[in-house]
PDB file of all heavy atoms in Angstrom:
ATOM      1  N   SER A   1       0.869  -1.173   0.000  1.00  0.00           N
ATOM      2  CA  SER A   1       0.000   0.000   0.000  1.00  0.00           C
ATOM      3  C   SER A   1       0.905   1.222   0.000  1.00  0.00           C
ATOM      4  O   SER A   1       1.891   1.265   0.730  1.00  0.00           O
ATOM      5  CB  SER A   1      -0.903  -0.005   1.233  1.00  0.00           C
ATOM      6  OG  SER A   1      -1.746   1.126   1.246  1.00  0.00           O
ATOM      7  N   VAL A   2       0.575   2.220  -0.816  1.00  0.00           N
ATOM      8  CA  VAL A   2       1.417   3.409  -0.973  1.00  0.00           C
ATOM      9  C   VAL A   2       0.589   4.648  -0.655  1.00  0.00           C
ATOM     10  O   VAL A   2      -0.578   4.739  -1.050  1.00  0.00           O
ATOM     11  CB  VAL A   2       1.978   3.509  -2.413  1.00  0.00           C
ATOM     12  CG1 VAL A   2       2.837   4.762  -2.575  1.00  0.00           C
ATOM     13  CG2 VAL A   2       2.776   2.270  -2.768  1.00  0.00           C
ATOM     14  N   THR A   3       1.206   5.594   0.052  1.00  0.00           N
ATOM     15  CA  THR A   3       0.557   6.868   0.340  1.00  0.00           C
ATOM     16  C   THR A   3       1.583   7.980   0.187  1.00  0.00           C
ATOM     17  O   THR A   3       2.776   7.724   0.037  1.00  0.00           O
ATOM     18  CB  THR A   3      -0.071   6.872   1.756  1.00  0.00           C
ATOM     19  OG1 THR A   3      -0.905   8.028   1.902  1.00  0.00           O
ATOM     20  CG2 THR A   3       0.987   6.860   2.844  1.00  0.00           C
ATOM     21  N   ASN A   4       1.112   9.215   0.228  1.00  0.00           N
ATOM     22  CA  ASN A   4       1.991  10.362   0.091  1.00  0.00           C
ATOM     23  C   ASN A   4       1.691  11.358   1.197  1.00  0.00           C
ATOM     24  O   ASN A   4       0.535  11.538   1.580  1.00  0.00           O
ATOM     25  CB  ASN A   4       1.804  11.023  -1.285  1.00  0.00           C
ATOM     26  CG  ASN A   4       2.828  12.084  -1.554  1.00  0.00           C
ATOM     27  OD1 ASN A   4       2.679  13.216  -1.116  1.00  0.00           O
ATOM     28  ND2 ASN A   4       3.879  11.733  -2.266  1.00  0.00           N
ATOM     29  N   SER A   5       2.740  12.004   1.689  1.00  0.00           N
ATOM     30  CA  SER A   5       2.603  12.954   2.796  1.00  0.00           C
ATOM     31  C   SER A   5       1.900  14.236   2.400  1.00  0.00           C
ATOM     32  O   SER A   5       1.372  14.940   3.238  1.00  0.00           O
ATOM     33  CB  SER A   5       3.987  13.326   3.328  1.00  0.00           C
ATOM     34  OG  SER A   5       4.706  14.043   2.324  1.00  0.00           O
ATOM     35  N   GLY A   6       1.936  14.563   1.124  1.00  0.00           N
ATOM     36  CA  GLY A   6       1.527  15.887   0.691  1.00  0.00           C
ATOM     37  C   GLY A   6       2.719  16.823   0.834  1.00  0.00           C
ATOM     38  O   GLY A   6       3.717  16.497   1.486  1.00  0.00           O
ATOM     39  N   LEU A   7       2.641  17.966   0.227  1.00  0.00           N
ATOM     40  CA  LEU A   7       3.747  18.923   0.219  1.00  0.00           C
ATOM     41  C   LEU A   7       4.014  19.485   1.612  1.00  0.00           C
ATOM     42  O   LEU A   7       3.080  19.796   2.354  1.00  0.00           O
ATOM     43  CB  LEU A   7       3.409  20.074  -0.731  1.00  0.00           C
ATOM     44  CG  LEU A   7       4.531  21.041  -1.058  1.00  0.00           C
ATOM     45  CD1 LEU A   7       5.631  20.355  -1.860  1.00  0.00           C
ATOM     46  CD2 LEU A   7       3.980  22.222  -1.844  1.00  0.00           C
ATOM     47  N   TYR A   8       5.291  19.595   1.954  1.00  0.00           N
ATOM     48  CA  TYR A   8       5.692  20.241   3.200  1.00  0.00           C
ATOM     49  C   TYR A   8       6.993  21.001   2.961  1.00  0.00           C
ATOM     50  O   TYR A   8       7.690  20.773   1.972  1.00  0.00           O
ATOM     51  CB  TYR A   8       5.838  19.239   4.355  1.00  0.00           C
ATOM     52  CG  TYR A   8       6.949  18.220   4.175  1.00  0.00           C
ATOM     53  CD1 TYR A   8       8.256  18.493   4.590  1.00  0.00           C
ATOM     54  CD2 TYR A   8       6.700  16.991   3.590  1.00  0.00           C
ATOM     55  CE1 TYR A   8       9.269  17.564   4.422  1.00  0.00           C
ATOM     56  CE2 TYR A   8       7.707  16.061   3.424  1.00  0.00           C
ATOM     57  CZ  TYR A   8       8.992  16.361   3.835  1.00  0.00           C
ATOM     58  OH  TYR A   8       9.994  15.441   3.663  1.00  0.00           O
ATOM     59  N   ILE A   9       7.305  21.913   3.866  1.00  0.00           N
ATOM     60  CA  ILE A   9       8.525  22.722   3.769  1.00  0.00           C
ATOM     61  C   ILE A   9       9.559  22.157   4.729  1.00  0.00           C
ATOM     62  O   ILE A   9       9.294  22.029   5.930  1.00  0.00           O
ATOM     63  CB  ILE A   9       8.244  24.202   4.090  1.00  0.00           C
ATOM     64  CG1 ILE A   9       7.247  24.764   3.074  1.00  0.00           C
ATOM     65  CG2 ILE A   9       9.539  25.005   4.081  1.00  0.00           C
ATOM     66  CD1 ILE A   9       6.735  26.146   3.408  1.00  0.00           C
ATOM     67  N   ARG A  10      10.721  21.816   4.201  1.00  0.00           N
ATOM     68  CA  ARG A  10      11.819  21.293   5.018  1.00  0.00           C
ATOM     69  C   ARG A  10      12.294  22.374   5.980  1.00  0.00           C
ATOM     70  O   ARG A  10      12.529  23.515   5.591  1.00  0.00           O
ATOM     71  CB  ARG A  10      12.968  20.855   4.115  1.00  0.00           C
ATOM     72  CG  ARG A  10      14.163  20.321   4.865  1.00  0.00           C
ATOM     73  CD  ARG A  10      15.254  19.907   3.891  1.00  0.00           C
ATOM     74  NE  ARG A  10      16.447  19.472   4.611  1.00  0.00           N
ATOM     75  CZ  ARG A  10      17.564  19.105   4.006  1.00  0.00           C
ATOM     76  NH1 ARG A  10      17.637  19.103   2.683  1.00  0.00           N
ATOM     77  NH2 ARG A  10      18.603  18.724   4.726  1.00  0.00           N
ATOM     78  N   GLY A  11      12.422  22.011   7.258  1.00  0.00           N
ATOM     79  CA  GLY A  11      12.879  22.951   8.276  1.00  0.00           C
ATOM     80  C   GLY A  11      14.347  23.305   8.108  1.00  0.00           C
ATOM     81  O   GLY A  11      15.131  22.551   7.515  1.00  0.00           O
ATOM     82  N   GLU A  12      14.729  24.441   8.658  1.00  0.00           N
ATOM     83  CA  GLU A  12      16.095  24.946   8.516  1.00  0.00           C
ATOM     84  C   GLU A  12      17.148  23.955   9.010  1.00  0.00           C
ATOM     85  O   GLU A  12      18.193  23.795   8.387  1.00  0.00           O
ATOM     86  CB  GLU A  12      16.219  26.268   9.292  1.00  0.00           C
ATOM     87  CG  GLU A  12      17.552  26.947   9.120  1.00  0.00           C
ATOM     88  CD  GLU A  12      17.605  28.286   9.843  1.00  0.00           C
ATOM     89  OE1 GLU A  12      16.553  28.928  10.021  1.00  0.00           O
ATOM     90  OE2 GLU A  12      18.720  28.676  10.233  1.00  0.00           O
ATOM     91  N   ASN A  13      16.890  23.277  10.123  1.00  0.00           N
ATOM     92  CA  ASN A  13      17.854  22.327  10.692  1.00  0.00           C
ATOM     93  C   ASN A  13      17.509  20.872  10.399  1.00  0.00           C
ATOM     94  O   ASN A  13      18.155  19.967  10.912  1.00  0.00           O
ATOM     95  CB  ASN A  13      17.912  22.505  12.218  1.00  0.00           C
ATOM     96  CG  ASN A  13      18.364  23.902  12.602  1.00  0.00           C
ATOM     97  OD1 ASN A  13      19.271  24.444  12.008  1.00  0.00           O
ATOM     98  ND2 ASN A  13      17.689  24.488  13.578  1.00  0.00           N
ATOM     99  N   GLU A  14      16.501  20.643   9.573  1.00  0.00           N
ATOM    100  CA  GLU A  14      15.995  19.294   9.340  1.00  0.00           C
ATOM    101  C   GLU A  14      16.954  18.465   8.474  1.00  0.00           C
ATOM    102  O   GLU A  14      17.351  18.896   7.399  1.00  0.00           O
ATOM    103  CB  GLU A  14      14.633  19.388   8.649  1.00  0.00           C
ATOM    104  CG  GLU A  14      13.904  18.086   8.528  1.00  0.00           C
ATOM    105  CD  GLU A  14      12.519  18.270   7.933  1.00  0.00           C
ATOM    106  OE1 GLU A  14      11.995  19.401   7.876  1.00  0.00           O
ATOM    107  OE2 GLU A  14      11.955  17.254   7.515  1.00  0.00           O
ATOM    108  N   THR A  15      17.306  17.279   8.964  1.00  0.00           N
ATOM    109  CA  THR A  15      18.233  16.403   8.240  1.00  0.00           C
ATOM    110  C   THR A  15      17.623  15.060   7.864  1.00  0.00           C
ATOM    111  O   THR A  15      18.187  14.340   7.045  1.00  0.00           O
ATOM    112  CB  THR A  15      19.504  16.135   9.074  1.00  0.00           C
ATOM    113  OG1 THR A  15      19.124  15.502  10.305  1.00  0.00           O
ATOM    114  CG2 THR A  15      20.260  17.426   9.365  1.00  0.00           C
ATOM    115  N   SER A  16      16.470  14.698   8.476  1.00  0.00           N
ATOM    116  CA  SER A  16      15.883  13.386   8.209  1.00  0.00           C
ATOM    117  C   SER A  16      14.395  13.377   8.525  1.00  0.00           C
ATOM    118  O   SER A  16      13.870  14.271   9.183  1.00  0.00           O
ATOM    119  CB  SER A  16      16.596  12.308   9.027  1.00  0.00           C
ATOM    120  OG  SER A  16      16.425  12.538  10.407  1.00  0.00           O
ATOM    121  N   VAL A  17      13.739  12.303   8.045  1.00  0.00           N
ATOM    122  CA  VAL A  17      12.321  12.073   8.316  1.00  0.00           C
ATOM    123  C   VAL A  17      12.182  10.658   8.878  1.00  0.00           C
ATOM    124  O   VAL A  17      12.675   9.696   8.292  1.00  0.00           O
ATOM    125  CB  VAL A  17      11.460  12.207   7.047  1.00  0.00           C
ATOM    126  CG1 VAL A  17       9.997  11.882   7.353  1.00  0.00           C
ATOM    127  CG2 VAL A  17      11.583  13.596   6.453  1.00  0.00           C
ATOM    128  N   LYS A  18      11.520  10.555  10.014  1.00  0.00           N
ATOM    129  CA  LYS A  18      11.244   9.255  10.623  1.00  0.00           C
ATOM    130  C   LYS A  18       9.773   8.934  10.390  1.00  0.00           C
ATOM    131  O   LYS A  18       8.894   9.681  10.823  1.00  0.00           O
ATOM    132  CB  LYS A  18      11.536   9.295  12.125  1.00  0.00           C
ATOM    133  CG  LYS A  18      11.269   7.985  12.839  1.00  0.00           C
ATOM    134  CD  LYS A  18      11.624   8.133  14.317  1.00  0.00           C
ATOM    135  CE  LYS A  18      11.458   6.859  15.095  1.00  0.00           C
ATOM    136  NZ  LYS A  18      11.828   7.050  16.511  1.00  0.00           N
ATOM    137  N   ALA A  19       9.515   7.836   9.687  1.00  0.00           N
ATOM    138  CA  ALA A  19       8.150   7.369   9.481  1.00  0.00           C
ATOM    139  C   ALA A  19       7.865   6.283  10.521  1.00  0.00           C
ATOM    140  O   ALA A  19       8.677   5.377  10.720  1.00  0.00           O
ATOM    141  CB  ALA A  19       7.982   6.817   8.072  1.00  0.00           C
ATOM    142  N   ILE A  20       6.737   6.398  11.185  1.00  0.00           N
ATOM    143  CA  ILE A  20       6.320   5.446  12.217  1.00  0.00           C
ATOM    144  C   ILE A  20       5.020   4.805  11.753  1.00  0.00           C
ATOM    145  O   ILE A  20       4.043   5.505  11.479  1.00  0.00           O
ATOM    146  CB  ILE A  20       6.118   6.161  13.565  1.00  0.00           C
ATOM    147  CG1 ILE A  20       7.426   6.825  14.007  1.00  0.00           C
ATOM    148  CG2 ILE A  20       5.596   5.188  14.612  1.00  0.00           C
ATOM    149  CD1 ILE A  20       7.262   7.799  15.154  1.00  0.00           C
ATOM    150  N   LEU A  21       5.010   3.477  11.657  1.00  0.00           N
ATOM    151  CA  LEU A  21       3.819   2.752  11.217  1.00  0.00           C
ATOM    152  C   LEU A  21       3.066   2.188  12.412  1.00  0.00           C
ATOM    153  O   LEU A  21       3.644   1.492  13.254  1.00  0.00           O
ATOM    154  CB  LEU A  21       4.221   1.605  10.277  1.00  0.00           C
ATOM    155  CG  LEU A  21       3.078   0.771   9.701  1.00  0.00           C
ATOM    156  CD1 LEU A  21       2.182   1.622   8.792  1.00  0.00           C
ATOM    157  CD2 LEU A  21       3.622  -0.428   8.939  1.00  0.00           C
ATOM    158  N   LEU A  22       1.772   2.511  12.471  1.00  0.00           N
ATOM    159  CA  LEU A  22       0.890   2.002  13.521  1.00  0.00           C
ATOM    160  C   LEU A  22      -0.087   1.010  12.925  1.00  0.00           C
ATOM    161  O   LEU A  22      -0.563   1.197  11.793  1.00  0.00           O
ATOM    162  CB  LEU A  22       0.100   3.151  14.156  1.00  0.00           C
ATOM    163  CG  LEU A  22       0.891   4.341  14.689  1.00  0.00           C
ATOM    164  CD1 LEU A  22      -0.068   5.398  15.239  1.00  0.00           C
ATOM    165  CD2 LEU A  22       1.891   3.917  15.735  1.00  0.00           C
ATOM    166  N   ASP A  23      -0.406  -0.047  13.688  1.00  0.00           N
ATOM    167  CA  ASP A  23      -1.423  -0.990  13.219  1.00  0.00           C
ATOM    168  C   ASP A  23      -2.815  -0.381  13.420  1.00  0.00           C
ATOM    169  O   ASP A  23      -2.942   0.767  13.878  1.00  0.00           O
ATOM    170  CB  ASP A  23      -1.267  -2.363  13.884  1.00  0.00           C
ATOM    171  CG  ASP A  23      -1.562  -2.379  15.378  1.00  0.00           C
ATOM    172  OD1 ASP A  23      -2.128  -1.405  15.928  1.00  0.00           O
ATOM    173  OD2 ASP A  23      -1.225  -3.398  16.016  1.00  0.00           O
ATOM    174  N   ILE A  24      -3.851  -1.133  13.104  1.00  0.00           N
ATOM    175  CA  ILE A  24      -5.215  -0.579  13.190  1.00  0.00           C
ATOM    176  C   ILE A  24      -5.635  -0.242  14.606  1.00  0.00           C
ATOM    177  O   ILE A  24      -6.565   0.528  14.813  1.00  0.00           O
ATOM    178  CB  ILE A  24      -6.251  -1.510  12.519  1.00  0.00           C
ATOM    179  CG1 ILE A  24      -6.268  -2.879  13.184  1.00  0.00           C
ATOM    180  CG2 ILE A  24      -6.006  -1.641  11.038  1.00  0.00           C
ATOM    181  CD1 ILE A  24      -7.366  -3.790  12.695  1.00  0.00           C
ATOM    182  N   ASN A  25      -4.913  -0.777  15.600  1.00  0.00           N
ATOM    183  CA  ASN A  25      -5.207  -0.478  17.009  1.00  0.00           C
ATOM    184  C   ASN A  25      -4.328   0.632  17.573  1.00  0.00           C
ATOM    185  O   ASN A  25      -4.408   0.945  18.753  1.00  0.00           O
ATOM    186  CB  ASN A  25      -5.048  -1.748  17.851  1.00  0.00           C
ATOM    187  CG  ASN A  25      -6.031  -2.820  17.441  1.00  0.00           C
ATOM    188  OD1 ASN A  25      -7.219  -2.549  17.287  1.00  0.00           O
ATOM    189  ND2 ASN A  25      -5.533  -4.023  17.213  1.00  0.00           N
ATOM    190  N   GLY A  26      -3.453   1.208  16.744  1.00  0.00           N
ATOM    191  CA  GLY A  26      -2.601   2.302  17.193  1.00  0.00           C
ATOM    192  C   GLY A  26      -1.278   1.875  17.797  1.00  0.00           C
ATOM    193  O   GLY A  26      -0.559   2.693  18.345  1.00  0.00           O
ATOM    194  N   LYS A  27      -0.936   0.592  17.694  1.00  0.00           N
ATOM    195  CA  LYS A  27       0.332   0.085  18.222  1.00  0.00           C
ATOM    196  C   LYS A  27       1.422   0.202  17.163  1.00  0.00           C
ATOM    197  O   LYS A  27       1.222  -0.166  16.004  1.00  0.00           O
ATOM    198  CB  LYS A  27       0.167  -1.387  18.621  1.00  0.00           C
ATOM    199  CG  LYS A  27       1.447  -2.016  19.140  1.00  0.00           C
ATOM    200  CD  LYS A  27       1.251  -3.494  19.421  1.00  0.00           C
ATOM    201  CE  LYS A  27       2.597  -4.126  19.751  1.00  0.00           C
ATOM    202  NZ  LYS A  27       2.533  -5.583  19.701  1.00  0.00           N
ATOM    203  N   GLN A  28       2.600   0.718  17.568  1.00  0.00           N
ATOM    204  CA  GLN A  28       3.701   0.851  16.621  1.00  0.00           C
ATOM    205  C   GLN A  28       4.199  -0.532  16.208  1.00  0.00           C
ATOM    206  O   GLN A  28       4.495  -1.379  17.049  1.00  0.00           O
ATOM    207  CB  GLN A  28       4.860   1.654  17.218  1.00  0.00           C
ATOM    208  CG  GLN A  28       5.993   1.849  16.226  1.00  0.00           C
ATOM    209  CD  GLN A  28       7.112   2.735  16.731  1.00  0.00           C
ATOM    210  OE1 GLN A  28       6.894   3.570  17.606  1.00  0.00           O
ATOM    211  NE2 GLN A  28       8.295   2.566  16.170  1.00  0.00           N
ATOM    212  N   VAL A  29       4.310  -0.743  14.876  1.00  0.00           N
ATOM    213  CA  VAL A  29       4.745  -2.040  14.366  1.00  0.00           C
ATOM    214  C   VAL A  29       5.996  -1.950  13.482  1.00  0.00           C
ATOM    215  O   VAL A  29       6.604  -2.969  13.174  1.00  0.00           O
ATOM    216  CB  VAL A  29       3.606  -2.758  13.600  1.00  0.00           C
ATOM    217  CG1 VAL A  29       2.499  -3.166  14.570  1.00  0.00           C
ATOM    218  CG2 VAL A  29       3.068  -1.904  12.471  1.00  0.00           C
ATOM    219  N   ASP A  30       6.369  -0.738  13.059  1.00  0.00           N
ATOM    220  CA  ASP A  30       7.566  -0.578  12.227  1.00  0.00           C
ATOM    221  C   ASP A  30       7.950   0.899  12.213  1.00  0.00           C
ATOM    222  O   ASP A  30       7.151   1.765  12.570  1.00  0.00           O
ATOM    223  CB  ASP A  30       7.295  -1.056  10.795  1.00  0.00           C
ATOM    224  CG  ASP A  30       8.542  -1.486  10.036  1.00  0.00           C
ATOM    225  OD1 ASP A  30       9.671  -1.265  10.546  1.00  0.00           O
ATOM    226  OD2 ASP A  30       8.413  -2.046   8.927  1.00  0.00           O
ATOM    227  N   GLU A  31       9.198   1.150  11.823  1.00  0.00           N
ATOM    228  CA  GLU A  31       9.654   2.529  11.627  1.00  0.00           C
ATOM    229  C   GLU A  31      10.777   2.534  10.613  1.00  0.00           C
ATOM    230  O   GLU A  31      11.401   1.509  10.349  1.00  0.00           O
ATOM    231  CB  GLU A  31      10.083   3.196  12.930  1.00  0.00           C
ATOM    232  CG  GLU A  31      11.306   2.616  13.574  1.00  0.00           C
ATOM    233  CD  GLU A  31      11.687   3.339  14.865  1.00  0.00           C
ATOM    234  OE1 GLU A  31      10.792   3.561  15.708  1.00  0.00           O
ATOM    235  OE2 GLU A  31      12.863   3.672  15.002  1.00  0.00           O
ATOM    236  N   ASN A  32      11.019   3.708  10.029  1.00  0.00           N
ATOM    237  CA  ASN A  32      12.049   3.855   9.015  1.00  0.00           C
ATOM    238  C   ASN A  32      12.524   5.302   9.052  1.00  0.00           C
ATOM    239  O   ASN A  32      11.735   6.211   9.260  1.00  0.00           O
ATOM    240  CB  ASN A  32      11.444   3.538   7.641  1.00  0.00           C
ATOM    241  CG  ASN A  32      12.417   3.735   6.505  1.00  0.00           C
ATOM    242  OD1 ASN A  32      12.667   4.870   6.101  1.00  0.00           O
ATOM    243  ND2 ASN A  32      12.953   2.654   5.976  1.00  0.00           N
TER     244      ASN A  32
END
């Protein structure tokens, strides 16, 4: 399944993005 964040502006000090995946009950099951 693929989704997109939509447009955002990178912060001045921003170096990375952490994606956190939650299951249907809201429990974290993966991250990248």
